[in-house]
Amino acid sequence: MRKTTSEIPYKPSAASSAVLLALVHPKLSGYPLAGALHLFNIAMMCITNDSCARPTTRAVVNMLTNPPLSSPTIANL
């Protein structure tokens, strides 16, 4: 049985923010970091080794349509 969104083990961290900043193209500076980090975190949940721990398509759509509140821009970090 698949887990619900709240049961998915991947949690954002300072390390994931650092990885994201290393991957983001410099031309994207000034764009909100929250959106990019949100997409990155969803992607990380989708590629976890344990297939039962991956979010369902419905959960992914829910996460994509309910983005987090704004946070610092890429240029500010």
PDB file of N, CA and C in Angstrom:
ATOM      1  N   MET A   1       0.835  -1.178   0.000  1.00  0.00           N
ATOM      2  CA  MET A   1       0.000   0.000   0.000  1.00  0.00           C
ATOM      3  C   MET A   1       0.883   1.245   0.000  1.00  0.00           C
ATOM      4  N   ARG A   2       0.543   2.191  -0.839  1.00  0.00           N
ATOM      5  CA  ARG A   2       1.323   3.421  -0.922  1.00  0.00           C
ATOM      6  C   ARG A   2       1.054   4.319   0.269  1.00  0.00           C
ATOM      7  N   LYS A   3       2.055   5.139   0.570  1.00  0.00           N
ATOM      8  CA  LYS A   3       1.938   6.056   1.692  1.00  0.00           C
ATOM      9  C   LYS A   3       1.252   7.343   1.257  1.00  0.00           C
ATOM     10  N   THR A   4       0.657   8.024   2.221  1.00  0.00           N
ATOM     11  CA  THR A   4       0.064   9.323   1.927  1.00  0.00           C
ATOM     12  C   THR A   4       1.171  10.368   1.910  1.00  0.00           C
ATOM     13  N   THR A   5       0.858  11.550   1.415  1.00  0.00           N
ATOM     14  CA  THR A   5       1.856  12.616   1.323  1.00  0.00           C
ATOM     15  C   THR A   5       2.500  12.888   2.674  1.00  0.00           C
ATOM     16  N   SER A   6       1.731  12.871   3.733  1.00  0.00           N
ATOM     17  CA  SER A   6       2.280  13.159   5.058  1.00  0.00           C
ATOM     18  C   SER A   6       3.190  12.044   5.572  1.00  0.00           C
ATOM     19  N   GLU A   7       3.125  10.865   4.991  1.00  0.00           N
ATOM     20  CA  GLU A   7       3.949   9.738   5.427  1.00  0.00           C
ATOM     21  C   GLU A   7       5.225   9.579   4.602  1.00  0.00           C
ATOM     22  N   ILE A   8       5.385  10.400   3.584  1.00  0.00           N
ATOM     23  CA  ILE A   8       6.547  10.281   2.715  1.00  0.00           C
ATOM     24  C   ILE A   8       7.785  10.733   3.480  1.00  0.00           C
ATOM     25  N   PRO A   9       8.850   9.924   3.487  1.00  0.00           N
ATOM     26  CA  PRO A   9       9.990  10.185   4.349  1.00  0.00           C
ATOM     27  C   PRO A   9      10.876  11.371   3.984  1.00  0.00           C
ATOM     28  N   TYR A  10      10.909  11.788   2.726  1.00  0.00           N
ATOM     29  CA  TYR A  10      11.848  12.837   2.348  1.00  0.00           C
ATOM     30  C   TYR A  10      11.434  14.178   2.930  1.00  0.00           C
ATOM     31  N   LYS A  11      12.341  14.810   3.648  1.00  0.00           N
ATOM     32  CA  LYS A  11      12.080  16.120   4.239  1.00  0.00           C
ATOM     33  C   LYS A  11      13.139  17.101   3.728  1.00  0.00           C
ATOM     34  N   PRO A  12      12.715  18.303   3.344  1.00  0.00           N
ATOM     35  CA  PRO A  12      13.677  19.309   2.898  1.00  0.00           C
ATOM     36  C   PRO A  12      14.690  19.608   3.997  1.00  0.00           C
ATOM     37  N   SER A  13      15.898  19.930   3.590  1.00  0.00           N
ATOM     38  CA  SER A  13      16.936  20.247   4.562  1.00  0.00           C
ATOM     39  C   SER A  13      17.850  21.321   4.001  1.00  0.00           C
ATOM     40  N   ALA A  14      18.740  21.805   4.852  1.00  0.00           N
ATOM     41  CA  ALA A  14      19.727  22.784   4.400  1.00  0.00           C
ATOM     42  C   ALA A  14      20.619  22.159   3.333  1.00  0.00           C
ATOM     43  N   ALA A  15      20.886  20.862   3.457  1.00  0.00           N
ATOM     44  CA  ALA A  15      21.717  20.179   2.464  1.00  0.00           C
ATOM     45  C   ALA A  15      21.040  20.167   1.104  1.00  0.00           C
ATOM     46  N   SER A  16      19.717  19.938   1.070  1.00  0.00           N
ATOM     47  CA  SER A  16      19.027  19.933  -0.219  1.00  0.00           C
ATOM     48  C   SER A  16      19.022  21.327  -0.825  1.00  0.00           C
ATOM     49  N   SER A  17      18.967  22.359   0.002  1.00  0.00           N
ATOM     50  CA  SER A  17      19.054  23.732  -0.503  1.00  0.00           C
ATOM     51  C   SER A  17      20.421  23.977  -1.126  1.00  0.00           C
ATOM     52  N   ALA A  18      21.474  23.480  -0.481  1.00  0.00           N
ATOM     53  CA  ALA A  18      22.827  23.660  -1.005  1.00  0.00           C
ATOM     54  C   ALA A  18      22.994  22.922  -2.329  1.00  0.00           C
ATOM     55  N   VAL A  19      22.466  21.714  -2.419  1.00  0.00           N
ATOM     56  CA  VAL A  19      22.538  20.944  -3.664  1.00  0.00           C
ATOM     57  C   VAL A  19      21.790  21.681  -4.765  1.00  0.00           C
ATOM     58  N   LEU A  20      20.616  22.182  -4.439  1.00  0.00           N
ATOM     59  CA  LEU A  20      19.824  22.907  -5.426  1.00  0.00           C
ATOM     60  C   LEU A  20      20.577  24.129  -5.935  1.00  0.00           C
ATOM     61  N   LEU A  21      21.177  24.888  -5.039  1.00  0.00           N
ATOM     62  CA  LEU A  21      21.919  26.080  -5.458  1.00  0.00           C
ATOM     63  C   LEU A  21      23.082  25.715  -6.373  1.00  0.00           C
ATOM     64  N   ALA A  22      23.691  24.551  -6.142  1.00  0.00           N
ATOM     65  CA  ALA A  22      24.784  24.103  -7.004  1.00  0.00           C
ATOM     66  C   ALA A  22      24.277  23.704  -8.385  1.00  0.00           C
ATOM     67  N   LEU A  23      23.013  23.277  -8.478  1.00  0.00           N
ATOM     68  CA  LEU A  23      22.448  22.814  -9.745  1.00  0.00           C
ATOM     69  C   LEU A  23      21.767  23.910 -10.558  1.00  0.00           C
ATOM     70  N   VAL A  24      21.317  24.961  -9.899  1.00  0.00           N
ATOM     71  CA  VAL A  24      20.557  26.014 -10.576  1.00  0.00           C
ATOM     72  C   VAL A  24      21.467  26.834 -11.483  1.00  0.00           C
ATOM     73  N   HIS A  25      21.006  27.067 -12.687  1.00  0.00           N
ATOM     74  CA  HIS A  25      21.758  27.865 -13.654  1.00  0.00           C
ATOM     75  C   HIS A  25      21.838  29.311 -13.180  1.00  0.00           C
ATOM     76  N   PRO A  26      23.006  29.952 -13.317  1.00  0.00           N
ATOM     77  CA  PRO A  26      23.174  31.340 -12.858  1.00  0.00           C
ATOM     78  C   PRO A  26      22.162  32.326 -13.448  1.00  0.00           C
ATOM     79  N   LYS A  27      21.644  32.057 -14.637  1.00  0.00           N
ATOM     80  CA  LYS A  27      20.667  32.961 -15.246  1.00  0.00           C
ATOM     81  C   LYS A  27      19.350  32.985 -14.477  1.00  0.00           C
ATOM     82  N   LEU A  28      19.155  32.046 -13.578  1.00  0.00           N
ATOM     83  CA  LEU A  28      17.922  32.000 -12.801  1.00  0.00           C
ATOM     84  C   LEU A  28      18.014  32.795 -11.504  1.00  0.00           C
ATOM     85  N   SER A  29      19.116  33.510 -11.284  1.00  0.00           N
ATOM     86  CA  SER A  29      19.221  34.294 -10.053  1.00  0.00           C
ATOM     87  C   SER A  29      18.128  35.350 -10.038  1.00  0.00           C
ATOM     88  N   GLY A  30      17.577  35.583  -8.879  1.00  0.00           N
ATOM     89  CA  GLY A  30      16.483  36.528  -8.727  1.00  0.00           C
ATOM     90  C   GLY A  30      15.121  35.869  -8.690  1.00  0.00           C
ATOM     91  N   TYR A  31      15.033  34.627  -9.138  1.00  0.00           N
ATOM     92  CA  TYR A  31      13.762  33.901  -9.068  1.00  0.00           C
ATOM     93  C   TYR A  31      13.599  33.324  -7.666  1.00  0.00           C
ATOM     94  N   PRO A  32      12.368  33.120  -7.216  1.00  0.00           N
ATOM     95  CA  PRO A  32      12.165  32.581  -5.864  1.00  0.00           C
ATOM     96  C   PRO A  32      12.782  31.194  -5.693  1.00  0.00           C
ATOM     97  N   LEU A  33      13.546  31.045  -4.656  1.00  0.00           N
ATOM     98  CA  LEU A  33      14.161  29.758  -4.341  1.00  0.00           C
ATOM     99  C   LEU A  33      13.108  28.747  -3.891  1.00  0.00           C
ATOM    100  N   ALA A  34      12.055  29.221  -3.266  1.00  0.00           N
ATOM    101  CA  ALA A  34      11.028  28.311  -2.735  1.00  0.00           C
ATOM    102  C   ALA A  34      10.443  27.425  -3.825  1.00  0.00           C
ATOM    103  N   GLY A  35      10.148  27.992  -4.987  1.00  0.00           N
ATOM    104  CA  GLY A  35       9.564  27.207  -6.072  1.00  0.00           C
ATOM    105  C   GLY A  35      10.507  26.140  -6.579  1.00  0.00           C
ATOM    106  N   ALA A  36      11.764  26.516  -6.783  1.00  0.00           N
ATOM    107  CA  ALA A  36      12.755  25.555  -7.264  1.00  0.00           C
ATOM    108  C   ALA A  36      12.995  24.466  -6.226  1.00  0.00           C
ATOM    109  N   LEU A  37      13.080  24.853  -4.961  1.00  0.00           N
ATOM    110  CA  LEU A  37      13.308  23.872  -3.900  1.00  0.00           C
ATOM    111  C   LEU A  37      12.109  22.939  -3.766  1.00  0.00           C
ATOM    112  N   HIS A  38      10.916  23.482  -3.929  1.00  0.00           N
ATOM    113  CA  HIS A  38       9.694  22.667  -3.870  1.00  0.00           C
ATOM    114  C   HIS A  38       9.720  21.596  -4.969  1.00  0.00           C
ATOM    115  N   LEU A  39      10.050  21.989  -6.196  1.00  0.00           N
ATOM    116  CA  LEU A  39      10.115  21.029  -7.306  1.00  0.00           C
ATOM    117  C   LEU A  39      11.222  20.004  -7.088  1.00  0.00           C
ATOM    118  N   PHE A  40      12.371  20.459  -6.591  1.00  0.00           N
ATOM    119  CA  PHE A  40      13.493  19.571  -6.306  1.00  0.00           C
ATOM    120  C   PHE A  40      13.092  18.521  -5.267  1.00  0.00           C
ATOM    121  N   ASN A  41      12.410  18.953  -4.214  1.00  0.00           N
ATOM    122  CA  ASN A  41      11.995  18.021  -3.160  1.00  0.00           C
ATOM    123  C   ASN A  41      10.990  16.998  -3.678  1.00  0.00           C
ATOM    124  N   ILE A  42      10.072  17.440  -4.534  1.00  0.00           N
ATOM    125  CA  ILE A  42       9.116  16.503  -5.131  1.00  0.00           C
ATOM    126  C   ILE A  42       9.868  15.487  -5.995  1.00  0.00           C
ATOM    127  N   ALA A  43      10.816  15.965  -6.781  1.00  0.00           N
ATOM    128  CA  ALA A  43      11.601  15.063  -7.630  1.00  0.00           C
ATOM    129  C   ALA A  43      12.353  14.034  -6.788  1.00  0.00           C
ATOM    130  N   MET A  44      12.930  14.470  -5.669  1.00  0.00           N
ATOM    131  CA  MET A  44      13.663  13.544  -4.805  1.00  0.00           C
ATOM    132  C   MET A  44      12.736  12.476  -4.217  1.00  0.00           C
ATOM    133  N   MET A  45      11.516  12.861  -3.880  1.00  0.00           N
ATOM    134  CA  MET A  45      10.558  11.875  -3.371  1.00  0.00           C
ATOM    135  C   MET A  45      10.198  10.860  -4.454  1.00  0.00           C
ATOM    136  N   CYS A  46      10.114  11.322  -5.695  1.00  0.00           N
ATOM    137  CA  CYS A  46       9.696  10.452  -6.801  1.00  0.00           C
ATOM    138  C   CYS A  46      10.759   9.437  -7.207  1.00  0.00           C
ATOM    139  N   ILE A  47      12.013   9.682  -6.852  1.00  0.00           N
ATOM    140  CA  ILE A  47      13.080   8.765  -7.273  1.00  0.00           C
ATOM    141  C   ILE A  47      13.649   7.935  -6.131  1.00  0.00           C
ATOM    142  N   THR A  48      12.980   7.943  -4.991  1.00  0.00           N
ATOM    143  CA  THR A  48      13.459   7.134  -3.875  1.00  0.00           C
ATOM    144  C   THR A  48      13.485   5.655  -4.284  1.00  0.00           C
ATOM    145  N   ASN A  49      14.419   4.897  -3.734  1.00  0.00           N
ATOM    146  CA  ASN A  49      14.573   3.481  -4.092  1.00  0.00           C
ATOM    147  C   ASN A  49      13.365   2.632  -3.735  1.00  0.00           C
ATOM    148  N   ASP A  50      12.731   2.916  -2.618  1.00  0.00           N
ATOM    149  CA  ASP A  50      11.575   2.135  -2.167  1.00  0.00           C
ATOM    150  C   ASP A  50      10.332   2.605  -2.914  1.00  0.00           C
ATOM    151  N   SER A  51       9.858   1.796  -3.844  1.00  0.00           N
ATOM    152  CA  SER A  51       8.719   2.198  -4.673  1.00  0.00           C
ATOM    153  C   SER A  51       7.463   2.465  -3.847  1.00  0.00           C
ATOM    154  N   CYS A  52       7.312   1.788  -2.730  1.00  0.00           N
ATOM    155  CA  CYS A  52       6.137   2.027  -1.880  1.00  0.00           C
ATOM    156  C   CYS A  52       6.208   3.377  -1.170  1.00  0.00           C
ATOM    157  N   ALA A  53       7.407   3.922  -1.045  1.00  0.00           N
ATOM    158  CA  ALA A  53       7.579   5.217  -0.380  1.00  0.00           C
ATOM    159  C   ALA A  53       7.396   6.387  -1.346  1.00  0.00           C
ATOM    160  N   ARG A  54       7.363   6.095  -2.643  1.00  0.00           N
ATOM    161  CA  ARG A  54       7.177   7.167  -3.625  1.00  0.00           C
ATOM    162  C   ARG A  54       5.748   7.690  -3.570  1.00  0.00           C
ATOM    163  N   PRO A  55       5.574   8.990  -3.824  1.00  0.00           N
ATOM    164  CA  PRO A  55       4.209   9.533  -3.825  1.00  0.00           C
ATOM    165  C   PRO A  55       3.425   9.044  -5.036  1.00  0.00           C
ATOM    166  N   THR A  56       2.131   8.980  -4.878  1.00  0.00           N
ATOM    167  CA  THR A  56       1.264   8.624  -6.000  1.00  0.00           C
ATOM    168  C   THR A  56       1.183   9.816  -6.951  1.00  0.00           C
ATOM    169  N   THR A  57       0.679   9.577  -8.144  1.00  0.00           N
ATOM    170  CA  THR A  57       0.491  10.670  -9.099  1.00  0.00           C
ATOM    171  C   THR A  57      -0.429  11.720  -8.501  1.00  0.00           C
ATOM    172  N   ARG A  58      -1.459  11.284  -7.835  1.00  0.00           N
ATOM    173  CA  ARG A  58      -2.391  12.218  -7.194  1.00  0.00           C
ATOM    174  C   ARG A  58      -1.668  13.085  -6.158  1.00  0.00           C
ATOM    175  N   ALA A  59      -0.799  12.475  -5.367  1.00  0.00           N
ATOM    176  CA  ALA A  59      -0.053  13.224  -4.354  1.00  0.00           C
ATOM    177  C   ALA A  59       0.891  14.228  -5.008  1.00  0.00           C
ATOM    178  N   VAL A  60       1.538  13.825  -6.105  1.00  0.00           N
ATOM    179  CA  VAL A  60       2.441  14.733  -6.820  1.00  0.00           C
ATOM    180  C   VAL A  60       1.660  15.916  -7.371  1.00  0.00           C
ATOM    181  N   VAL A  61       0.528  15.652  -7.986  1.00  0.00           N
ATOM    182  CA  VAL A  61      -0.307  16.742  -8.516  1.00  0.00           C
ATOM    183  C   VAL A  61      -0.728  17.669  -7.383  1.00  0.00           C
ATOM    184  N   ASN A  62      -1.105  17.105  -6.254  1.00  0.00           N
ATOM    185  CA  ASN A  62      -1.490  17.913  -5.103  1.00  0.00           C
ATOM    186  C   ASN A  62      -0.331  18.797  -4.640  1.00  0.00           C
ATOM    187  N   MET A  63       0.864  18.235  -4.563  1.00  0.00           N
ATOM    188  CA  MET A  63       2.031  19.016  -4.140  1.00  0.00           C
ATOM    189  C   MET A  63       2.359  20.110  -5.149  1.00  0.00           C
ATOM    190  N   LEU A  64       2.188  19.816  -6.436  1.00  0.00           N
ATOM    191  CA  LEU A  64       2.493  20.805  -7.470  1.00  0.00           C
ATOM    192  C   LEU A  64       1.470  21.933  -7.508  1.00  0.00           C
ATOM    193  N   THR A  65       0.240  21.638  -7.163  1.00  0.00           N
ATOM    194  CA  THR A  65      -0.799  22.671  -7.211  1.00  0.00           C
ATOM    195  C   THR A  65      -0.924  23.443  -5.906  1.00  0.00           C
ATOM    196  N   ASN A  66      -0.205  23.037  -4.884  1.00  0.00           N
ATOM    197  CA  ASN A  66      -0.207  23.737  -3.595  1.00  0.00           C
ATOM    198  C   ASN A  66       1.220  24.088  -3.202  1.00  0.00           C
ATOM    199  N   PRO A  67       1.835  25.030  -3.923  1.00  0.00           N
ATOM    200  CA  PRO A  67       3.232  25.374  -3.634  1.00  0.00           C
ATOM    201  C   PRO A  67       3.370  26.052  -2.271  1.00  0.00           C
ATOM    202  N   PRO A  68       4.581  26.036  -1.721  1.00  0.00           N
ATOM    203  CA  PRO A  68       4.811  26.665  -0.416  1.00  0.00           C
ATOM    204  C   PRO A  68       4.727  28.187  -0.532  1.00  0.00           C
ATOM    205  N   LEU A  69       4.641  28.838   0.608  1.00  0.00           N
ATOM    206  CA  LEU A  69       4.660  30.294   0.624  1.00  0.00           C
ATOM    207  C   LEU A  69       6.025  30.780   0.167  1.00  0.00           C
ATOM    208  N   SER A  70       6.116  32.029  -0.232  1.00  0.00           N
ATOM    209  CA  SER A  70       7.370  32.562  -0.770  1.00  0.00           C
ATOM    210  C   SER A  70       8.476  32.533   0.276  1.00  0.00           C
ATOM    211  N   SER A  71       9.698  32.504  -0.222  1.00  0.00           N
ATOM    212  CA  SER A  71      10.885  32.514   0.623  1.00  0.00           C
ATOM    213  C   SER A  71      11.959  33.304  -0.110  1.00  0.00           C
ATOM    214  N   PRO A  72      13.187  33.296   0.383  1.00  0.00           N
ATOM    215  CA  PRO A  72      14.233  34.099  -0.250  1.00  0.00           C
ATOM    216  C   PRO A  72      14.435  33.759  -1.723  1.00  0.00           C
ATOM    217  N   THR A  73      14.921  34.722  -2.476  1.00  0.00           N
ATOM    218  CA  THR A  73      15.240  34.469  -3.874  1.00  0.00           C
ATOM    219  C   THR A  73      16.613  33.834  -3.962  1.00  0.00           C
ATOM    220  N   ILE A  74      16.900  33.252  -5.104  1.00  0.00           N
ATOM    221  CA  ILE A  74      18.182  32.585  -5.313  1.00  0.00           C
ATOM    222  C   ILE A  74      19.332  33.571  -5.143  1.00  0.00           C
ATOM    223  N   ALA A  75      19.166  34.801  -5.590  1.00  0.00           N
ATOM    224  CA  ALA A  75      20.223  35.807  -5.500  1.00  0.00           C
ATOM    225  C   ALA A  75      20.528  36.192  -4.061  1.00  0.00           C
ATOM    226  N   ASN A  76      19.569  36.044  -3.151  1.00  0.00           N
ATOM    227  CA  ASN A  76      19.765  36.447  -1.766  1.00  0.00           C
ATOM    228  C   ASN A  76      20.535  35.432  -0.939  1.00  0.00           C
ATOM    229  N   LEU A  77      20.759  34.252  -1.470  1.00  0.00           N
ATOM    230  CA  LEU A  77      21.440  33.209  -0.689  1.00  0.00           C
ATOM    231  C   LEU A  77      22.881  33.085  -1.059  1.00  0.00           C
TER     232      LEU A  77
END
